[in-house]
Amino acid sequence: MSILSINRVALITGASTGIGASTAIRLADAGVKTVINYYHSEQDAKKVQQAIHTSGGTAKLMRADVRDPSQVKDLMDGTVKEFGKIDILVNNAGGLPKLAQR
């Protein structure tokens, strides 16, 4: 654990698989409290959370579609409510923008 990671909070979008999951686990291993954002892959997100908890880290799951500004606001607000702040933001989620309803 680094002195730079003590009392830090990270929000990682798209953290249920791949690069996002690996990033969440690495940050948690360094002592950073993590928020694992997911949209479709709740089971995968739970596996990431379990891996972090098993290693003694802190992780919270939060579902949000980052293509929707109101859900992003809720995600940010939920993170701050849970941990009091956001120090690190990893914008990893991928997806195509939603098209306007016709």
C-alpha atoms as a PDB file:
ATOM      1  CA  MET A   1       0.000   0.000   0.000  1.00  0.00           C
ATOM      2  CA  SER A   2       1.319   3.401  -0.967  1.00  0.00           C
ATOM      3  CA  ILE A   3       0.958   6.534   1.118  1.00  0.00           C
ATOM      4  CA  LEU A   4      -0.563   8.066  -2.015  1.00  0.00           C
ATOM      5  CA  SER A   5      -3.448   5.576  -1.953  1.00  0.00           C
ATOM      6  CA  ILE A   6      -4.468   5.965   1.696  1.00  0.00           C
ATOM      7  CA  ASN A   7      -8.028   7.266   2.009  1.00  0.00           C
ATOM      8  CA  ARG A   8      -8.431   7.478  -1.767  1.00  0.00           C
ATOM      9  CA  VAL A   9     -11.629   6.630  -3.605  1.00  0.00           C
ATOM     10  CA  ALA A  10     -11.783   5.511  -7.227  1.00  0.00           C
ATOM     11  CA  LEU A  11     -14.794   5.276  -9.515  1.00  0.00           C
ATOM     12  CA  ILE A  12     -14.152   2.962 -12.454  1.00  0.00           C
ATOM     13  CA  THR A  13     -16.764   2.866 -15.202  1.00  0.00           C
ATOM     14  CA  GLY A  14     -17.121  -0.371 -17.114  1.00  0.00           C
ATOM     15  CA  ALA A  15     -15.384  -2.226 -14.294  1.00  0.00           C
ATOM     16  CA  SER A  16     -17.152  -5.577 -14.542  1.00  0.00           C
ATOM     17  CA  THR A  17     -14.806  -7.079 -17.153  1.00  0.00           C
ATOM     18  CA  GLY A  18     -11.521  -6.610 -18.957  1.00  0.00           C
ATOM     19  CA  ILE A  19      -9.393  -3.528 -18.408  1.00  0.00           C
ATOM     20  CA  GLY A  20     -11.919  -1.960 -16.031  1.00  0.00           C
ATOM     21  CA  ALA A  21     -12.029  -5.033 -13.798  1.00  0.00           C
ATOM     22  CA  SER A  22      -8.243  -5.305 -13.740  1.00  0.00           C
ATOM     23  CA  THR A  23      -7.936  -1.611 -12.930  1.00  0.00           C
ATOM     24  CA  ALA A  24     -10.425  -1.885 -10.052  1.00  0.00           C
ATOM     25  CA  ILE A  25      -8.568  -4.864  -8.592  1.00  0.00           C
ATOM     26  CA  ARG A  26      -5.148  -3.193  -8.922  1.00  0.00           C
ATOM     27  CA  LEU A  27      -6.363   0.022  -7.312  1.00  0.00           C
ATOM     28  CA  ALA A  28      -7.991  -1.932  -4.482  1.00  0.00           C
ATOM     29  CA  ASP A  29      -4.777  -3.921  -3.988  1.00  0.00           C
ATOM     30  CA  ALA A  30      -3.024  -0.558  -3.533  1.00  0.00           C
ATOM     31  CA  GLY A  31      -5.493   0.373  -0.780  1.00  0.00           C
ATOM     32  CA  VAL A  32      -7.904   2.499  -2.805  1.00  0.00           C
ATOM     33  CA  LYS A  33     -11.631   2.158  -2.045  1.00  0.00           C
ATOM     34  CA  THR A  34     -13.290   1.319  -5.336  1.00  0.00           C
ATOM     35  CA  VAL A  35     -16.656   1.786  -6.960  1.00  0.00           C
ATOM     36  CA  ILE A  36     -17.274  -0.842  -9.601  1.00  0.00           C
ATOM     37  CA  ASN A  37     -19.629   0.580 -12.209  1.00  0.00           C
ATOM     38  CA  TYR A  38     -21.415  -1.830 -14.523  1.00  0.00           C
ATOM     39  CA  TYR A  39     -24.453  -1.737 -16.772  1.00  0.00           C
ATOM     40  CA  HIS A  40     -25.136  -5.222 -18.178  1.00  0.00           C
ATOM     41  CA  SER A  41     -22.732  -7.532 -16.363  1.00  0.00           C
ATOM     42  CA  GLU A  42     -23.877  -7.640 -12.737  1.00  0.00           C
ATOM     43  CA  GLN A  43     -22.583 -11.187 -12.199  1.00  0.00           C
ATOM     44  CA  ASP A  44     -19.155 -10.244 -13.522  1.00  0.00           C
ATOM     45  CA  ALA A  45     -19.161  -7.098 -11.371  1.00  0.00           C
ATOM     46  CA  LYS A  46     -19.951  -9.220  -8.310  1.00  0.00           C
ATOM     47  CA  LYS A  47     -16.944 -11.435  -9.117  1.00  0.00           C
ATOM     48  CA  VAL A  48     -14.691  -8.367  -9.222  1.00  0.00           C
ATOM     49  CA  GLN A  49     -16.143  -7.146  -5.932  1.00  0.00           C
ATOM     50  CA  GLN A  50     -15.607 -10.567  -4.348  1.00  0.00           C
ATOM     51  CA  ALA A  51     -11.987 -10.661  -5.537  1.00  0.00           C
ATOM     52  CA  ILE A  52     -11.413  -7.258  -3.946  1.00  0.00           C
ATOM     53  CA  HIS A  53     -13.129  -8.240  -0.688  1.00  0.00           C
ATOM     54  CA  THR A  54     -11.175 -11.522  -0.544  1.00  0.00           C
ATOM     55  CA  SER A  55      -7.944  -9.503  -0.746  1.00  0.00           C
ATOM     56  CA  GLY A  56      -9.108  -7.263   2.101  1.00  0.00           C
ATOM     57  CA  GLY A  57     -10.133  -4.318  -0.066  1.00  0.00           C
ATOM     58  CA  THR A  58     -13.252  -2.196  -0.150  1.00  0.00           C
ATOM     59  CA  ALA A  59     -15.527  -2.203  -3.191  1.00  0.00           C
ATOM     60  CA  LYS A  60     -19.076  -1.069  -3.875  1.00  0.00           C
ATOM     61  CA  LEU A  61     -21.139  -2.013  -6.928  1.00  0.00           C
ATOM     62  CA  MET A  62     -23.120   0.691  -8.718  1.00  0.00           C
ATOM     63  CA  ARG A  63     -25.172   0.107 -11.835  1.00  0.00           C
ATOM     64  CA  ALA A  64     -25.444   2.959 -14.321  1.00  0.00           C
ATOM     65  CA  ASP A  65     -25.605   3.488 -18.058  1.00  0.00           C
ATOM     66  CA  VAL A  66     -22.907   6.110 -18.592  1.00  0.00           C
ATOM     67  CA  ARG A  67     -24.556   7.141 -21.868  1.00  0.00           C
ATOM     68  CA  ASP A  68     -27.375   8.661 -19.794  1.00  0.00           C
ATOM     69  CA  PRO A  69     -26.428  11.935 -18.064  1.00  0.00           C
ATOM     70  CA  SER A  70     -28.983  11.480 -15.274  1.00  0.00           C
ATOM     71  CA  GLN A  71     -27.569   8.041 -14.452  1.00  0.00           C
ATOM     72  CA  VAL A  72     -24.043   9.457 -14.467  1.00  0.00           C
ATOM     73  CA  LYS A  73     -25.162  12.110 -11.976  1.00  0.00           C
ATOM     74  CA  ASP A  74     -26.712   9.412  -9.782  1.00  0.00           C
ATOM     75  CA  LEU A  75     -23.490   7.360 -10.031  1.00  0.00           C
ATOM     76  CA  MET A  76     -21.366  10.322  -8.979  1.00  0.00           C
ATOM     77  CA  ASP A  77     -23.774  11.289  -6.186  1.00  0.00           C
ATOM     78  CA  GLY A  78     -23.945   7.675  -4.978  1.00  0.00           C
ATOM     79  CA  THR A  79     -20.167   7.428  -4.848  1.00  0.00           C
ATOM     80  CA  VAL A  80     -19.876  10.638  -2.840  1.00  0.00           C
ATOM     81  CA  LYS A  81     -22.691   9.525  -0.533  1.00  0.00           C
ATOM     82  CA  GLU A  82     -20.967   6.176   0.078  1.00  0.00           C
ATOM     83  CA  PHE A  83     -17.356   7.349   0.416  1.00  0.00           C
ATOM     84  CA  GLY A  84     -17.505  11.132   0.790  1.00  0.00           C
ATOM     85  CA  LYS A  85     -15.492  11.974  -2.321  1.00  0.00           C
ATOM     86  CA  ILE A  86     -14.007  10.833  -5.613  1.00  0.00           C
ATOM     87  CA  ASP A  87     -10.222  11.094  -6.000  1.00  0.00           C
ATOM     88  CA  ILE A  88      -9.692   8.928  -9.073  1.00  0.00           C
ATOM     89  CA  LEU A  89     -12.004   8.598 -12.057  1.00  0.00           C
ATOM     90  CA  VAL A  90     -11.308   5.939 -14.670  1.00  0.00           C
ATOM     91  CA  ASN A  91     -13.563   6.448 -17.689  1.00  0.00           C
ATOM     92  CA  ASN A  92     -13.335   2.948 -19.092  1.00  0.00           C
ATOM     93  CA  ALA A  93     -16.911   2.135 -20.155  1.00  0.00           C
ATOM     94  CA  GLY A  94     -17.455   1.637 -23.845  1.00  0.00           C
ATOM     95  CA  GLY A  95     -20.641   1.879 -25.835  1.00  0.00           C
ATOM     96  CA  LEU A  96     -22.414   3.731 -28.545  1.00  0.00           C
ATOM     97  CA  PRO A  97     -24.367   6.870 -27.659  1.00  0.00           C
ATOM     98  CA  LYS A  98     -28.110   6.503 -27.344  1.00  0.00           C
ATOM     99  CA  LEU A  99     -29.998   7.910 -30.295  1.00  0.00           C
ATOM    100  CA  ALA A 100     -32.765  10.379 -29.639  1.00  0.00           C
ATOM    101  CA  GLN A 101     -36.246   8.900 -29.581  1.00  0.00           C
ATOM    102  CA  ARG A 102     -38.278   9.771 -32.658  1.00  0.00           C
END
